[in-house]
N, C-alpha and C. Protein backbone atom coordinates (compact mmCIF):
# COMPACT_ATOMS: atom_id res chain seq x y z
N MET A 1 38.72 56.56 -46.48
CA MET A 1 37.46 56.68 -45.99
C MET A 1 36.96 54.94 -45.37
N VAL A 2 36.25 54.89 -44.37
CA VAL A 2 36.00 53.64 -43.82
C VAL A 2 34.67 53.43 -44.10
N LYS A 3 34.43 52.19 -44.46
CA LYS A 3 32.50 51.90 -44.63
C LYS A 3 32.23 51.75 -43.51
N GLN A 4 31.13 52.14 -43.03
CA GLN A 4 30.75 51.53 -42.03
C GLN A 4 29.83 50.31 -42.12
N GLY A 5 29.79 49.33 -41.44
CA GLY A 5 28.98 48.38 -42.26
C GLY A 5 28.75 47.57 -40.83
N ARG A 6 27.68 46.64 -41.46
CA ARG A 6 27.46 45.81 -40.16
C ARG A 6 27.96 44.91 -39.57
N LEU A 7 27.55 44.83 -38.53
CA LEU A 7 28.33 44.06 -37.44
C LEU A 7 27.89 42.61 -37.86
N ILE A 8 28.91 41.47 -37.84
CA ILE A 8 27.81 40.31 -38.83
C ILE A 8 27.72 39.60 -37.03
N SER A 9 26.61 39.19 -36.27
CA SER A 9 26.46 38.28 -35.24
C SER A 9 26.68 36.45 -35.73
N ARG A 10 27.68 35.84 -34.53
CA ARG A 10 27.62 34.27 -34.59
C ARG A 10 26.86 33.61 -33.67
N GLY A 11 25.83 34.08 -33.23
CA GLY A 11 24.87 33.74 -32.21
C GLY A 11 24.03 33.92 -32.29
N PHE A 12 23.58 33.31 -31.47
CA PHE A 12 21.79 33.27 -31.75
C PHE A 12 21.02 34.25 -30.97
N THR A 13 19.70 34.96 -31.56
CA THR A 13 19.53 36.16 -31.16
C THR A 13 18.58 35.42 -30.05
N LEU A 14 17.76 36.68 -29.30
CA LEU A 14 17.13 36.21 -28.30
C LEU A 14 15.41 35.29 -28.22
N ILE A 15 15.18 35.56 -29.54
CA ILE A 15 14.20 35.02 -29.80
C ILE A 15 14.15 34.13 -30.11
N GLU A 16 15.22 33.51 -30.71
CA GLU A 16 15.91 31.88 -31.21
C GLU A 16 16.01 31.24 -29.89
N VAL A 17 16.33 32.35 -29.08
CA VAL A 17 16.64 31.50 -28.08
C VAL A 17 15.41 30.77 -27.11
N MET A 18 14.58 31.87 -27.13
CA MET A 18 13.52 31.85 -25.99
C MET A 18 12.89 30.76 -27.04
N VAL A 19 12.40 30.59 -28.46
CA VAL A 19 12.14 29.63 -29.38
C VAL A 19 12.54 27.92 -28.57
N ALA A 20 14.01 28.00 -28.88
CA ALA A 20 14.19 26.80 -28.49
C ALA A 20 13.93 26.24 -26.83
N LEU A 21 13.98 27.30 -25.67
CA LEU A 21 13.19 26.77 -24.67
C LEU A 21 12.02 26.22 -24.76
N THR A 22 11.44 27.23 -25.34
CA THR A 22 10.14 26.94 -25.40
C THR A 22 9.84 25.36 -25.39
N ILE A 23 10.62 24.98 -27.08
CA ILE A 23 10.13 23.74 -27.06
C ILE A 23 10.66 23.27 -26.75
N PHE A 24 11.92 22.86 -25.73
CA PHE A 24 12.63 22.14 -24.64
C PHE A 24 11.64 21.91 -23.75
N ALA A 25 10.86 23.03 -23.40
CA ALA A 25 9.88 22.97 -21.93
C ALA A 25 8.80 21.88 -22.51
N VAL A 26 8.31 22.59 -23.84
CA VAL A 26 7.19 21.31 -23.79
C VAL A 26 7.26 20.16 -23.93
N GLY A 27 8.38 19.60 -24.60
CA GLY A 27 8.69 18.27 -24.57
C GLY A 27 9.29 17.79 -23.86
N ALA A 28 9.63 18.64 -22.31
CA ALA A 28 10.07 18.41 -21.04
C ALA A 28 8.90 17.88 -20.24
N ILE A 29 7.73 18.57 -20.43
CA ILE A 29 6.67 18.42 -19.74
C ILE A 29 5.84 16.63 -20.60
N ALA A 30 5.82 17.19 -21.76
CA ALA A 30 5.46 15.45 -22.77
C ALA A 30 5.67 14.57 -21.94
N ALA A 31 7.16 14.79 -21.66
CA ALA A 31 8.14 13.50 -20.88
C ALA A 31 7.42 13.10 -19.47
N LEU A 32 7.26 13.84 -19.01
CA LEU A 32 7.25 14.18 -17.44
C LEU A 32 5.89 13.37 -17.22
N GLN A 33 4.63 13.87 -17.76
CA GLN A 33 3.85 13.39 -17.91
C GLN A 33 3.55 12.02 -18.16
N LEU A 34 4.43 11.82 -19.09
CA LEU A 34 4.13 10.24 -19.88
C LEU A 34 4.87 9.54 -18.57
N ALA A 35 5.81 9.79 -18.21
CA ALA A 35 6.54 9.63 -17.06
C ALA A 35 5.79 8.89 -15.60
N ALA A 36 4.84 9.94 -15.19
CA ALA A 36 3.85 10.10 -14.01
C ALA A 36 2.63 9.48 -14.68
N GLU A 37 2.22 9.03 -16.18
CA GLU A 37 0.99 8.20 -16.04
C GLU A 37 1.27 6.29 -15.97
N THR A 38 2.82 6.33 -16.82
CA THR A 38 3.59 5.30 -16.85
C THR A 38 3.44 4.25 -15.63
N THR A 39 4.10 5.31 -14.11
CA THR A 39 4.21 4.93 -12.44
C THR A 39 2.54 4.38 -11.98
N ARG A 40 1.86 5.69 -12.45
CA ARG A 40 0.56 5.11 -12.10
C ARG A 40 -0.09 4.43 -12.74
N SER A 41 0.09 3.55 -13.96
CA SER A 41 -0.13 2.11 -14.43
C SER A 41 0.08 1.23 -14.04
N SER A 42 1.55 1.27 -13.44
CA SER A 42 2.47 0.47 -12.72
C SER A 42 1.79 0.56 -11.61
N ALA A 43 1.68 1.04 -11.14
CA ALA A 43 0.64 1.07 -9.13
C ALA A 43 -0.67 -0.11 -9.05
N LEU A 44 -1.03 0.81 -10.31
CA LEU A 44 -2.55 -0.40 -10.46
C LEU A 44 -3.13 -1.22 -10.85
N LEU A 45 -1.51 -1.78 -11.84
CA LEU A 45 -1.48 -3.26 -12.42
C LEU A 45 -0.98 -3.77 -11.37
N GLU A 46 0.25 -3.43 -10.09
CA GLU A 46 0.49 -4.41 -9.46
C GLU A 46 -0.45 -4.83 -8.42
N GLU A 47 -1.64 -3.75 -7.89
CA GLU A 47 -2.76 -3.98 -6.90
C GLU A 47 -4.02 -4.66 -7.52
N ARG A 48 -3.88 -4.91 -8.71
CA ARG A 48 -4.76 -5.94 -9.16
C ARG A 48 -3.88 -7.11 -9.39
N TYR A 49 -2.96 -7.64 -9.47
CA TYR A 49 -2.09 -8.86 -9.95
C TYR A 49 -2.10 -8.95 -8.01
N PHE A 50 -1.80 -8.11 -7.36
CA PHE A 50 -1.75 -9.32 -5.75
C PHE A 50 -3.08 -9.07 -5.66
N ALA A 51 -4.13 -8.63 -5.78
CA ALA A 51 -5.81 -8.70 -5.59
C ALA A 51 -6.18 -10.25 -6.45
N GLN A 52 -5.84 -9.85 -7.53
CA GLN A 52 -6.10 -11.57 -8.12
C GLN A 52 -5.46 -12.57 -7.66
N LEU A 53 -4.25 -12.55 -6.73
CA LEU A 53 -3.44 -13.65 -5.96
C LEU A 53 -4.75 -13.92 -4.90
N VAL A 54 -5.13 -13.01 -3.61
CA VAL A 54 -5.55 -13.26 -2.63
C VAL A 54 -7.09 -13.84 -3.06
N ALA A 55 -7.58 -13.45 -4.29
CA ALA A 55 -8.97 -14.36 -4.17
C ALA A 55 -9.29 -15.33 -5.03
N SER A 56 -7.75 -15.19 -6.05
CA SER A 56 -7.34 -16.96 -6.16
C SER A 56 -7.32 -18.01 -4.85
N ASN A 57 -5.90 -17.39 -3.83
CA ASN A 57 -6.11 -17.78 -2.49
C ASN A 57 -7.41 -18.35 -1.61
N ARG A 58 -7.86 -17.77 -1.52
CA ARG A 58 -9.42 -17.61 -0.69
C ARG A 58 -10.33 -18.36 -1.54
N LEU A 59 -10.56 -19.02 -3.77
CA LEU A 59 -11.10 -19.77 -3.95
C LEU A 59 -10.12 -20.96 -3.47
N ALA A 60 -9.09 -21.09 -3.63
CA ALA A 60 -8.45 -22.44 -3.24
C ALA A 60 -8.85 -22.95 -1.59
N GLU A 61 -8.50 -22.10 -0.61
CA GLU A 61 -9.81 -22.25 0.16
C GLU A 61 -10.62 -22.94 0.41
N VAL A 62 -11.81 -22.53 -0.06
CA VAL A 62 -13.02 -22.83 -0.56
C VAL A 62 -13.00 -24.17 -0.58
N HIS A 63 -12.34 -24.52 -1.58
CA HIS A 63 -12.12 -25.59 -2.37
C HIS A 63 -11.68 -26.66 -1.55
N ALA A 64 -11.12 -26.61 -0.35
CA ALA A 64 -10.18 -27.22 0.42
C ALA A 64 -11.50 -27.49 1.61
N GLU A 65 -12.20 -26.38 2.16
CA GLU A 65 -13.06 -25.98 3.07
C GLU A 65 -14.03 -27.50 2.54
N ALA A 66 -14.18 -27.59 1.58
CA ALA A 66 -15.46 -28.14 1.08
C ALA A 66 -15.10 -29.58 0.53
N ARG A 67 -14.23 -30.05 0.30
CA ARG A 67 -13.74 -31.63 0.29
C ARG A 67 -13.04 -31.77 1.87
N TRP A 68 -12.70 -31.10 2.86
CA TRP A 68 -12.43 -31.72 3.96
C TRP A 68 -13.57 -31.24 5.16
N GLN A 69 -14.68 -30.66 5.02
CA GLN A 69 -15.04 -29.86 6.35
C GLN A 69 -16.26 -29.83 5.90
N THR A 70 -16.63 -28.46 5.39
CA THR A 70 -18.21 -27.98 5.25
C THR A 70 -18.29 -28.09 3.28
N TRP A 71 -20.24 -28.89 3.61
CA TRP A 71 -20.41 -28.69 2.16
C TRP A 71 -21.95 -28.75 2.38
N PRO A 72 -22.43 -27.69 1.65
CA PRO A 72 -22.25 -26.84 0.76
C PRO A 72 -21.08 -25.54 0.99
N PRO A 73 -20.35 -25.28 0.27
CA PRO A 73 -19.80 -23.68 1.15
C PRO A 73 -20.44 -22.60 1.95
N ARG A 74 -20.19 -22.15 2.68
CA ARG A 74 -20.76 -20.76 2.84
C ARG A 74 -21.27 -19.82 2.20
N ASN A 75 -22.14 -19.43 2.04
CA ASN A 75 -22.32 -17.91 1.20
C ASN A 75 -22.54 -17.24 2.09
N GLU A 76 -22.38 -15.64 1.38
CA GLU A 76 -22.45 -13.95 1.77
C GLU A 76 -21.10 -14.34 3.14
N GLN A 77 -20.23 -14.95 2.85
CA GLN A 77 -18.43 -14.90 4.11
C GLN A 77 -17.93 -13.34 3.26
N SER A 78 -17.67 -12.88 4.47
CA SER A 78 -16.30 -11.90 4.23
C SER A 78 -15.05 -11.59 5.31
N GLY A 79 -13.77 -11.66 4.80
CA GLY A 79 -12.85 -11.32 5.98
C GLY A 79 -11.59 -10.36 5.09
N GLU A 80 -10.68 -10.84 5.91
CA GLU A 80 -9.50 -9.99 5.48
C GLU A 80 -8.44 -11.48 4.96
N SER A 81 -7.29 -10.80 3.72
CA SER A 81 -6.36 -11.28 3.84
C SER A 81 -4.93 -10.45 3.62
N GLU A 82 -3.86 -10.76 4.33
CA GLU A 82 -3.23 -10.03 4.74
C GLU A 82 -1.92 -11.00 3.50
N LEU A 83 -1.41 -10.25 2.40
CA LEU A 83 -0.44 -9.75 1.39
C LEU A 83 0.84 -8.91 1.09
N VAL A 84 1.44 -9.04 1.12
CA VAL A 84 2.47 -8.04 0.67
C VAL A 84 2.56 -7.09 1.95
N GLY A 85 2.14 -7.15 2.65
CA GLY A 85 2.30 -6.57 3.61
C GLY A 85 1.03 -5.68 3.61
N ARG A 86 0.08 -5.64 3.41
CA ARG A 86 -1.21 -4.93 3.20
C ARG A 86 -2.46 -6.11 3.46
N THR A 87 -3.33 -5.18 3.77
CA THR A 87 -4.82 -5.87 4.35
C THR A 87 -5.46 -5.81 2.47
N TRP A 88 -6.16 -7.01 2.62
CA TRP A 88 -7.18 -6.71 1.39
C TRP A 88 -8.15 -7.42 2.19
N TYR A 89 -9.19 -7.11 1.77
CA TYR A 89 -10.84 -7.50 2.03
C TYR A 89 -11.59 -8.42 1.09
N TRP A 90 -12.13 -9.22 0.92
CA TRP A 90 -13.04 -10.22 0.27
C TRP A 90 -14.27 -10.18 0.80
N ASP A 91 -15.01 -10.85 -0.18
CA ASP A 91 -16.21 -10.99 0.23
C ASP A 91 -16.50 -12.45 -0.58
N GLN A 92 -17.33 -13.31 -0.65
CA GLN A 92 -17.25 -14.50 -0.70
C GLN A 92 -19.05 -14.23 -1.25
N GLN A 93 -19.42 -15.30 -2.48
CA GLN A 93 -20.83 -15.07 -2.89
C GLN A 93 -20.49 -16.85 -3.14
N VAL A 94 -21.97 -17.65 -2.91
CA VAL A 94 -22.08 -19.11 -3.59
C VAL A 94 -23.51 -19.23 -3.76
N LEU A 95 -23.59 -19.98 -5.58
CA LEU A 95 -24.63 -19.62 -6.19
C LEU A 95 -24.70 -21.37 -6.24
N ALA A 96 -26.14 -21.79 -6.71
CA ALA A 96 -26.45 -22.85 -7.00
C ALA A 96 -26.51 -23.23 -8.25
N THR A 97 -25.95 -24.55 -8.80
CA THR A 97 -26.18 -24.74 -10.36
C THR A 97 -27.47 -25.56 -10.39
N VAL A 98 -27.19 -26.65 -11.97
CA VAL A 98 -28.02 -26.97 -11.93
C VAL A 98 -28.04 -28.10 -10.87
N THR A 99 -26.84 -28.99 -11.06
CA THR A 99 -26.41 -29.86 -10.08
C THR A 99 -26.04 -29.77 -8.41
N GLU A 100 -27.14 -30.28 -7.53
CA GLU A 100 -27.06 -30.18 -6.12
C GLU A 100 -24.96 -30.19 -5.65
N ASP A 101 -24.17 -31.24 -6.35
CA ASP A 101 -23.00 -31.35 -6.02
C ASP A 101 -22.07 -30.70 -6.91
N LEU A 102 -22.35 -29.09 -7.33
CA LEU A 102 -21.69 -28.01 -7.98
C LEU A 102 -22.22 -27.27 -7.43
N GLN A 103 -21.36 -26.25 -7.15
CA GLN A 103 -21.48 -24.89 -6.41
C GLN A 103 -20.71 -23.84 -7.17
N GLU A 104 -21.48 -22.85 -7.35
CA GLU A 104 -20.24 -21.51 -8.14
C GLU A 104 -19.63 -20.67 -7.16
N VAL A 105 -18.54 -20.98 -7.01
CA VAL A 105 -18.33 -19.66 -6.11
C VAL A 105 -17.71 -18.08 -6.62
N THR A 106 -17.99 -16.96 -6.16
CA THR A 106 -17.67 -15.78 -6.56
C THR A 106 -16.32 -14.79 -5.41
N VAL A 107 -15.30 -14.64 -5.39
CA VAL A 107 -14.71 -14.24 -4.59
C VAL A 107 -14.17 -12.29 -5.38
N ARG A 108 -14.96 -11.54 -4.51
CA ARG A 108 -14.58 -10.12 -4.63
C ARG A 108 -13.52 -9.51 -3.41
N VAL A 109 -12.47 -9.21 -4.39
CA VAL A 109 -10.77 -8.21 -3.52
C VAL A 109 -11.67 -6.82 -3.64
N ARG A 110 -10.87 -6.12 -2.48
CA ARG A 110 -10.86 -5.08 -2.20
C ARG A 110 -9.86 -4.31 -1.46
N ALA A 111 -9.21 -3.62 -2.28
CA ALA A 111 -8.27 -2.86 -1.25
C ALA A 111 -8.60 -1.88 0.02
N ILE A 112 -9.97 -1.48 0.18
CA ILE A 112 -9.75 -0.70 1.50
C ILE A 112 -11.58 -1.47 1.21
N PRO A 113 -12.06 -1.39 2.91
CA PRO A 113 -13.54 -2.03 3.24
C PRO A 113 -14.75 -1.30 2.75
N GLU A 114 -15.47 -1.88 2.02
CA GLU A 114 -15.96 -0.16 1.01
C GLU A 114 -15.79 -0.06 0.16
N GLY A 115 -14.67 -0.92 -0.56
CA GLY A 115 -14.38 0.16 -1.25
C GLY A 115 -14.48 -0.24 -3.08
N PRO A 116 -14.02 0.29 -3.70
CA PRO A 116 -14.57 -0.77 -5.13
C PRO A 116 -13.70 -1.86 -5.43
N VAL A 117 -14.38 -2.76 -6.15
CA VAL A 117 -13.75 -4.00 -6.60
C VAL A 117 -12.52 -4.18 -6.97
N VAL A 118 -11.80 -4.38 -6.92
CA VAL A 118 -9.78 -4.71 -7.60
C VAL A 118 -10.24 -5.56 -7.97
N ALA A 119 -10.56 -7.12 -7.50
CA ALA A 119 -10.91 -8.28 -8.62
C ALA A 119 -11.75 -9.23 -8.04
N GLU A 120 -11.95 -9.95 -9.07
CA GLU A 120 -13.31 -10.80 -8.56
C GLU A 120 -12.62 -12.12 -9.42
N VAL A 121 -12.64 -13.20 -8.55
CA VAL A 121 -12.94 -14.49 -9.44
C VAL A 121 -13.73 -15.77 -9.25
N SER A 122 -14.31 -16.40 -9.96
CA SER A 122 -15.44 -17.09 -10.02
C SER A 122 -15.10 -18.65 -10.32
N GLY A 123 -15.13 -19.08 -9.68
CA GLY A 123 -14.92 -20.86 -10.14
C GLY A 123 -15.84 -21.88 -9.09
N PHE A 124 -16.10 -23.05 -9.31
CA PHE A 124 -16.82 -24.08 -9.35
C PHE A 124 -16.19 -24.92 -8.02
N VAL A 125 -16.85 -25.12 -7.11
CA VAL A 125 -17.17 -26.06 -6.10
C VAL A 125 -17.20 -27.46 -6.17
N GLY A 126 -17.03 -28.61 -6.37
CA GLY A 126 -17.96 -29.98 -6.20
C GLY A 126 -17.79 -30.62 -4.99
N ARG A 127 -18.97 -31.38 -4.89
CA ARG A 127 -18.42 -32.03 -3.20
C ARG A 127 -17.53 -33.62 -4.35
N ARG A 128 -17.00 -33.83 -2.81
CA ARG A 128 -16.52 -35.15 -3.26
C ARG A 128 -16.83 -36.36 -2.71
């Protein structure tokens, strides 16, 4: 007489495979979201860095103008600057201080006209 027994399976069941695929999919989605967020953050940091350079450059120009050309620096001025193949839009504001030989200059930089301020730099310009 031959015994009827169960066949011993050495593979994974369909449920086990589906659970493993689900776990893998959740992990892959999380990794992709992290990569996308990192890329977005890098782009924002790059934009802020270049806007900061534009603002610093404009403040240096104001220093040079005040030293060699005009005193006091012109207030409520705006313009455009080219950097890394992009056009940046800046506004400058000049405020009086306690002494008339010193002015506070604030430069705000935008990536698009009338857009949000990406960088802002303030400094003091003195009469020579």
